[in-house]
PDB file of all heavy atoms in Angstrom:
ATOM      1  N   THR A   1     109.468  39.331 -52.906  1.00  0.00           N
ATOM      2  CA  THR A   1     110.478  40.385 -52.931  1.00  0.00           C
ATOM      3  C   THR A   1     111.923  39.910 -53.084  1.00  0.00           C
ATOM      4  O   THR A   1     112.844  40.656 -53.044  1.00  0.00           O
ATOM      5  CB  THR A   1     110.431  41.212 -51.642  1.00  0.00           C
ATOM      6  OG1 THR A   1     110.621  40.354 -50.491  1.00  0.00           O
ATOM      7  CG2 THR A   1     109.000  41.820 -51.442  1.00  0.00           C
ATOM      8  N   GLU A   2     112.067  38.564 -53.252  1.00  0.00           N
ATOM      9  CA  GLU A   2     113.338  38.011 -53.410  1.00  0.00           C
ATOM     10  C   GLU A   2     114.400  38.231 -52.105  1.00  0.00           C
ATOM     11  O   GLU A   2     115.542  38.453 -52.336  1.00  0.00           O
ATOM     12  CB  GLU A   2     114.073  38.414 -54.629  1.00  0.00           C
ATOM     13  CG  GLU A   2     113.284  37.963 -55.850  1.00  0.00           C
ATOM     14  CD  GLU A   2     113.025  36.385 -55.907  1.00  0.00           C
ATOM     15  OE1 GLU A   2     113.988  35.654 -55.776  1.00  0.00           O
ATOM     16  OE2 GLU A   2     111.844  36.047 -56.051  1.00  0.00           O
ATOM     17  N   GLN A   3     113.694  38.395 -51.026  1.00  0.00           N
ATOM     18  CA  GLN A   3     114.485  38.412 -49.802  1.00  0.00           C
ATOM     19  C   GLN A   3     113.608  37.917 -48.633  1.00  0.00           C
ATOM     20  O   GLN A   3     112.356  37.866 -48.720  1.00  0.00           O
ATOM     21  CB  GLN A   3     114.961  39.901 -49.529  1.00  0.00           C
ATOM     22  CG  GLN A   3     113.847  40.862 -49.169  1.00  0.00           C
ATOM     23  CD  GLN A   3     114.395  42.217 -48.998  1.00  0.00           C
ATOM     24  OE1 GLN A   3     115.387  42.619 -49.469  1.00  0.00           O
ATOM     25  NE2 GLN A   3     113.666  43.021 -48.130  1.00  0.00           N
ATOM     26  N   LEU A   4     114.273  37.491 -47.618  1.00  0.00           N
ATOM     27  CA  LEU A   4     113.631  36.894 -46.414  1.00  0.00           C
ATOM     28  C   LEU A   4     112.820  37.956 -45.717  1.00  0.00           C
ATOM     29  O   LEU A   4     113.412  38.981 -45.318  1.00  0.00           O
ATOM     30  CB  LEU A   4     114.569  36.232 -45.517  1.00  0.00           C
ATOM     31  CG  LEU A   4     114.017  35.365 -44.316  1.00  0.00           C
ATOM     32  CD1 LEU A   4     113.386  34.104 -44.943  1.00  0.00           C
ATOM     33  CD2 LEU A   4     115.136  34.957 -43.441  1.00  0.00           C
ATOM     34  N   MET A   5     111.582  37.694 -45.440  1.00  0.00           N
ATOM     35  CA  MET A   5     110.745  38.578 -44.640  1.00  0.00           C
ATOM     36  C   MET A   5     110.968  38.389 -43.159  1.00  0.00           C
ATOM     37  O   MET A   5     111.443  37.305 -42.801  1.00  0.00           O
ATOM     38  CB  MET A   5     109.257  38.457 -45.068  1.00  0.00           C
ATOM     39  CG  MET A   5     108.887  38.863 -46.424  1.00  0.00           C
ATOM     40  SD  MET A   5     109.003  40.520 -46.772  1.00  0.00           S
ATOM     41  CE  MET A   5     110.591  40.694 -47.508  1.00  0.00           C
ATOM     42  N   PRO A   6     110.510  39.312 -42.285  1.00  0.00           N
ATOM     43  CA  PRO A   6     110.673  39.066 -40.812  1.00  0.00           C
ATOM     44  C   PRO A   6     109.889  37.804 -40.441  1.00  0.00           C
ATOM     45  O   PRO A   6     108.751  37.575 -40.908  1.00  0.00           O
ATOM     46  CB  PRO A   6     110.125  40.384 -40.210  1.00  0.00           C
ATOM     47  CG  PRO A   6     110.350  41.367 -41.288  1.00  0.00           C
ATOM     48  CD  PRO A   6     110.157  40.662 -42.593  1.00  0.00           C
ATOM     49  N   LEU A   7     110.587  36.909 -39.660  1.00  0.00           N
ATOM     50  CA  LEU A   7     109.873  35.672 -39.283  1.00  0.00           C
ATOM     51  C   LEU A   7     108.822  35.989 -38.224  1.00  0.00           C
ATOM     52  O   LEU A   7     109.095  36.783 -37.318  1.00  0.00           O
ATOM     53  CB  LEU A   7     110.966  34.766 -38.759  1.00  0.00           C
ATOM     54  CG  LEU A   7     112.027  34.339 -39.693  1.00  0.00           C
ATOM     55  CD1 LEU A   7     112.801  33.166 -39.070  1.00  0.00           C
ATOM     56  CD2 LEU A   7     111.566  33.947 -41.060  1.00  0.00           C
ATOM     57  N   ARG A   8     107.865  35.313 -38.195  1.00  0.00           N
ATOM     58  CA  ARG A   8     106.804  35.262 -37.109  1.00  0.00           C
ATOM     59  C   ARG A   8     107.325  34.349 -35.963  1.00  0.00           C
ATOM     60  O   ARG A   8     108.177  33.446 -36.269  1.00  0.00           O
ATOM     61  CB  ARG A   8     105.447  34.865 -37.616  1.00  0.00           C
ATOM     62  CG  ARG A   8     104.983  35.732 -38.719  1.00  0.00           C
ATOM     63  CD  ARG A   8     103.576  35.629 -39.140  1.00  0.00           C
ATOM     64  NE  ARG A   8     103.130  36.539 -40.147  1.00  0.00           N
ATOM     65  CZ  ARG A   8     101.917  36.647 -40.554  1.00  0.00           C
ATOM     66  NH1 ARG A   8     100.903  35.840 -40.047  1.00  0.00           N
ATOM     67  NH2 ARG A   8     101.617  37.437 -41.547  1.00  0.00           N
ATOM     68  N   THR A   9     106.733  34.443 -34.883  1.00  0.00           N
ATOM     69  CA  THR A   9     107.315  33.741 -33.721  1.00  0.00           C
ATOM     70  C   THR A   9     106.706  32.357 -33.558  1.00  0.00           C
ATOM     71  O   THR A   9     107.152  31.691 -32.512  1.00  0.00           O
ATOM     72  CB  THR A   9     106.986  34.624 -32.427  1.00  0.00           C
ATOM     73  OG1 THR A   9     105.592  34.720 -32.266  1.00  0.00           O
ATOM     74  CG2 THR A   9     107.628  35.995 -32.471  1.00  0.00           C
ATOM     75  N   GLY A  10     105.914  31.930 -34.440  1.00  0.00           N
ATOM     76  CA  GLY A  10     105.258  30.660 -34.246  1.00  0.00           C
ATOM     77  C   GLY A  10     106.248  29.464 -34.106  1.00  0.00           C
ATOM     78  O   GLY A  10     106.004  28.594 -33.325  1.00  0.00           O
ATOM     79  N   ALA A  11     107.285  29.479 -34.924  1.00  0.00           N
ATOM     80  CA  ALA A  11     108.201  28.304 -34.874  1.00  0.00           C
ATOM     81  C   ALA A  11     108.836  28.269 -33.496  1.00  0.00           C
ATOM     82  O   ALA A  11     108.936  27.117 -32.853  1.00  0.00           O
ATOM     83  CB  ALA A  11     109.306  28.521 -35.939  1.00  0.00           C
ATOM     84  N   ALA A  12     109.304  29.345 -32.938  1.00  0.00           N
ATOM     85  CA  ALA A  12     109.893  29.321 -31.584  1.00  0.00           C
ATOM     86  C   ALA A  12     108.949  28.927 -30.553  1.00  0.00           C
ATOM     87  O   ALA A  12     109.322  28.132 -29.665  1.00  0.00           O
ATOM     88  CB  ALA A  12     110.485  30.773 -31.284  1.00  0.00           C
ATOM     89  N   ARG A  13     107.759  29.391 -30.591  1.00  0.00           N
ATOM     90  CA  ARG A  13     106.713  29.043 -29.630  1.00  0.00           C
ATOM     91  C   ARG A  13     106.372  27.524 -29.693  1.00  0.00           C
ATOM     92  O   ARG A  13     106.109  26.881 -28.665  1.00  0.00           O
ATOM     93  CB  ARG A  13     105.442  29.866 -29.839  1.00  0.00           C
ATOM     94  CG  ARG A  13     105.652  31.349 -29.515  1.00  0.00           C
ATOM     95  CD  ARG A  13     104.544  32.243 -29.956  1.00  0.00           C
ATOM     96  NE  ARG A  13     103.244  31.658 -29.521  1.00  0.00           N
ATOM     97  CZ  ARG A  13     102.104  31.869 -30.208  1.00  0.00           C
ATOM     98  NH1 ARG A  13     102.101  32.389 -31.414  1.00  0.00           N
ATOM     99  NH2 ARG A  13     100.979  31.415 -29.666  1.00  0.00           N
ATOM    100  N   MET A  14     106.411  27.055 -30.898  1.00  0.00           N
ATOM    101  CA  MET A  14     106.138  25.546 -31.090  1.00  0.00           C
ATOM    102  C   MET A  14     107.202  24.709 -30.434  1.00  0.00           C
ATOM    103  O   MET A  14     106.973  23.675 -29.769  1.00  0.00           O
ATOM    104  CB  MET A  14     105.959  25.183 -32.550  1.00  0.00           C
ATOM    105  CG  MET A  14     104.659  25.678 -33.192  1.00  0.00           C
ATOM    106  SD  MET A  14     104.600  25.325 -34.953  1.00  0.00           S
ATOM    107  CE  MET A  14     103.077  26.279 -35.376  1.00  0.00           C
ATOM    108  N   VAL A  15     108.464  25.170 -30.642  1.00  0.00           N
ATOM    109  CA  VAL A  15     109.581  24.466 -30.049  1.00  0.00           C
ATOM    110  C   VAL A  15     109.540  24.479 -28.568  1.00  0.00           C
ATOM    111  O   VAL A  15     109.647  23.429 -27.895  1.00  0.00           O
ATOM    112  CB  VAL A  15     110.923  25.020 -30.592  1.00  0.00           C
ATOM    113  CG1 VAL A  15     112.099  24.485 -29.777  1.00  0.00           C
ATOM    114  CG2 VAL A  15     111.088  24.796 -31.993  1.00  0.00           C
ATOM    115  N   PHE A  16     109.255  25.670 -27.974  1.00  0.00           N
ATOM    116  CA  PHE A  16     109.249  25.702 -26.511  1.00  0.00           C
ATOM    117  C   PHE A  16     108.045  25.033 -26.027  1.00  0.00           C
ATOM    118  O   PHE A  16     108.137  24.345 -24.946  1.00  0.00           O
ATOM    119  CB  PHE A  16     109.123  27.207 -26.103  1.00  0.00           C
ATOM    120  CG  PHE A  16     110.476  27.978 -26.367  1.00  0.00           C
ATOM    121  CD1 PHE A  16     110.518  29.372 -26.593  1.00  0.00           C
ATOM    122  CD2 PHE A  16     111.642  27.245 -26.455  1.00  0.00           C
ATOM    123  CE1 PHE A  16     111.611  29.978 -26.806  1.00  0.00           C
ATOM    124  CE2 PHE A  16     112.847  27.991 -26.677  1.00  0.00           C
ATOM    125  CZ  PHE A  16     112.874  29.310 -26.896  1.00  0.00           C
ATOM    126  N   GLY A  17     106.950  25.024 -26.702  1.00  0.00           N
ATOM    127  CA  GLY A  17     105.647  24.314 -26.286  1.00  0.00           C
ATOM    128  C   GLY A  17     105.967  22.820 -26.207  1.00  0.00           C
ATOM    129  O   GLY A  17     105.474  22.063 -25.322  1.00  0.00           O
ATOM    130  N   ALA A  18     106.740  22.308 -27.261  1.00  0.00           N
ATOM    131  CA  ALA A  18     107.010  20.835 -27.246  1.00  0.00           C
ATOM    132  C   ALA A  18     107.889  20.482 -26.161  1.00  0.00           C
ATOM    133  O   ALA A  18     107.748  19.489 -25.445  1.00  0.00           O
ATOM    134  CB  ALA A  18     107.655  20.531 -28.539  1.00  0.00           C
ATOM    135  N   LEU A  19     108.816  21.327 -25.778  1.00  0.00           N
ATOM    136  CA  LEU A  19     109.783  21.000 -24.710  1.00  0.00           C
ATOM    137  C   LEU A  19     109.010  21.097 -23.381  1.00  0.00           C
ATOM    138  O   LEU A  19     109.173  20.246 -22.481  1.00  0.00           O
ATOM    139  CB  LEU A  19     110.910  22.093 -24.644  1.00  0.00           C
ATOM    140  CG  LEU A  19     111.921  22.039 -25.857  1.00  0.00           C
ATOM    141  CD1 LEU A  19     112.921  23.208 -25.690  1.00  0.00           C
ATOM    142  CD2 LEU A  19     112.492  20.809 -25.965  1.00  0.00           C
ATOM    143  N   GLU A  20     108.058  21.980 -23.252  1.00  0.00           N
ATOM    144  CA  GLU A  20     107.264  22.065 -22.008  1.00  0.00           C
ATOM    145  C   GLU A  20     106.349  20.887 -21.864  1.00  0.00           C
ATOM    146  O   GLU A  20     105.966  20.388 -20.779  1.00  0.00           O
ATOM    147  CB  GLU A  20     106.396  23.354 -22.013  1.00  0.00           C
ATOM    148  CG  GLU A  20     107.160  24.541 -21.667  1.00  0.00           C
ATOM    149  CD  GLU A  20     106.134  25.787 -21.576  1.00  0.00           C
ATOM    150  OE1 GLU A  20     105.596  26.243 -22.535  1.00  0.00           O
ATOM    151  OE2 GLU A  20     105.938  26.264 -20.371  1.00  0.00           O
ATOM    152  N   ALA A  21     105.942  20.326 -23.062  1.00  0.00           N
ATOM    153  CA  ALA A  21     105.040  19.164 -23.043  1.00  0.00           C
ATOM    154  C   ALA A  21     105.795  17.853 -22.771  1.00  0.00           C
ATOM    155  O   ALA A  21     105.213  16.763 -22.761  1.00  0.00           O
ATOM    156  CB  ALA A  21     104.241  19.066 -24.337  1.00  0.00           C
ATOM    157  N   GLY A  22     107.075  17.845 -22.688  1.00  0.00           N
ATOM    158  CA  GLY A  22     107.810  16.704 -22.345  1.00  0.00           C
ATOM    159  C   GLY A  22     108.737  16.178 -23.426  1.00  0.00           C
ATOM    160  O   GLY A  22     109.416  15.207 -23.170  1.00  0.00           O
ATOM    161  N   VAL A  23     108.714  16.782 -24.543  1.00  0.00           N
ATOM    162  CA  VAL A  23     109.662  16.372 -25.543  1.00  0.00           C
ATOM    163  C   VAL A  23     111.097  16.688 -25.098  1.00  0.00           C
ATOM    164  O   VAL A  23     111.360  17.805 -24.712  1.00  0.00           O
ATOM    165  CB  VAL A  23     109.443  17.097 -26.895  1.00  0.00           C
ATOM    166  CG1 VAL A  23     110.411  16.678 -27.962  1.00  0.00           C
ATOM    167  CG2 VAL A  23     107.973  16.677 -27.370  1.00  0.00           C
ATOM    168  N   GLU A  24     111.967  15.742 -25.161  1.00  0.00           N
ATOM    169  CA  GLU A  24     113.372  15.937 -24.643  1.00  0.00           C
ATOM    170  C   GLU A  24     114.147  17.001 -25.269  1.00  0.00           C
ATOM    171  O   GLU A  24     114.775  17.836 -24.639  1.00  0.00           O
ATOM    172  CB  GLU A  24     114.127  14.670 -24.592  1.00  0.00           C
ATOM    173  CG  GLU A  24     113.656  13.556 -23.685  1.00  0.00           C
ATOM    174  CD  GLU A  24     114.525  12.412 -23.602  1.00  0.00           C
ATOM    175  OE1 GLU A  24     115.574  12.340 -24.219  1.00  0.00           O
ATOM    176  OE2 GLU A  24     114.151  11.468 -22.878  1.00  0.00           O
ATOM    177  N   ASP A  25     114.182  17.029 -26.606  1.00  0.00           N
ATOM    178  CA  ASP A  25     114.859  18.088 -27.288  1.00  0.00           C
ATOM    179  C   ASP A  25     114.224  18.157 -28.812  1.00  0.00           C
ATOM    180  O   ASP A  25     113.653  17.195 -29.149  1.00  0.00           O
ATOM    181  CB  ASP A  25     116.283  17.822 -27.398  1.00  0.00           C
ATOM    182  CG  ASP A  25     117.161  18.975 -27.849  1.00  0.00           C
ATOM    183  OD1 ASP A  25     116.607  20.088 -28.039  1.00  0.00           O
ATOM    184  OD2 ASP A  25     118.374  18.881 -28.120  1.00  0.00           O
ATOM    185  N   VAL A  26     114.374  19.252 -29.369  1.00  0.00           N
ATOM    186  CA  VAL A  26     113.971  19.440 -30.809  1.00  0.00           C
ATOM    187  C   VAL A  26     115.105  20.007 -31.558  1.00  0.00           C
ATOM    188  O   VAL A  26     115.806  20.935 -31.223  1.00  0.00           O
ATOM    189  CB  VAL A  26     112.766  20.422 -30.771  1.00  0.00           C
ATOM    190  CG1 VAL A  26     112.366  20.563 -32.310  1.00  0.00           C
ATOM    191  CG2 VAL A  26     111.548  19.914 -29.998  1.00  0.00           C
ATOM    192  N   GLU A  27     115.387  19.299 -32.678  1.00  0.00           N
ATOM    193  CA  GLU A  27     116.323  19.818 -33.644  1.00  0.00           C
ATOM    194  C   GLU A  27     115.679  20.685 -34.671  1.00  0.00           C
ATOM    195  O   GLU A  27     114.870  20.251 -35.353  1.00  0.00           O
ATOM    196  CB  GLU A  27     117.117  18.656 -34.265  1.00  0.00           C
ATOM    197  CG  GLU A  27     118.263  19.014 -35.216  1.00  0.00           C
ATOM    198  CD  GLU A  27     118.954  17.795 -35.816  1.00  0.00           C
ATOM    199  OE1 GLU A  27     118.424  17.212 -36.676  1.00  0.00           O
ATOM    200  OE2 GLU A  27     120.074  17.598 -35.407  1.00  0.00           O
ATOM    201  N   ILE A  28     116.233  21.924 -34.772  1.00  0.00           N
ATOM    202  CA  ILE A  28     115.647  22.850 -35.802  1.00  0.00           C
ATOM    203  C   ILE A  28     116.532  22.854 -37.015  1.00  0.00           C
ATOM    204  O   ILE A  28     117.802  23.032 -36.916  1.00  0.00           O
ATOM    205  CB  ILE A  28     115.555  24.251 -35.183  1.00  0.00           C
ATOM    206  CG1 ILE A  28     114.757  24.173 -33.828  1.00  0.00           C
ATOM    207  CG2 ILE A  28     114.784  25.177 -36.102  1.00  0.00           C
ATOM    208  CD1 ILE A  28     114.793  25.520 -33.149  1.00  0.00           C
TER     209      ILE A  28
END
């Protein structure tokens, strides 16, 4: 459609899951 579709939440959940697992910080 030549435009950005609504994002799914997987990226945010992966970031938070990594932080919970002990990763100090994640750069997006």
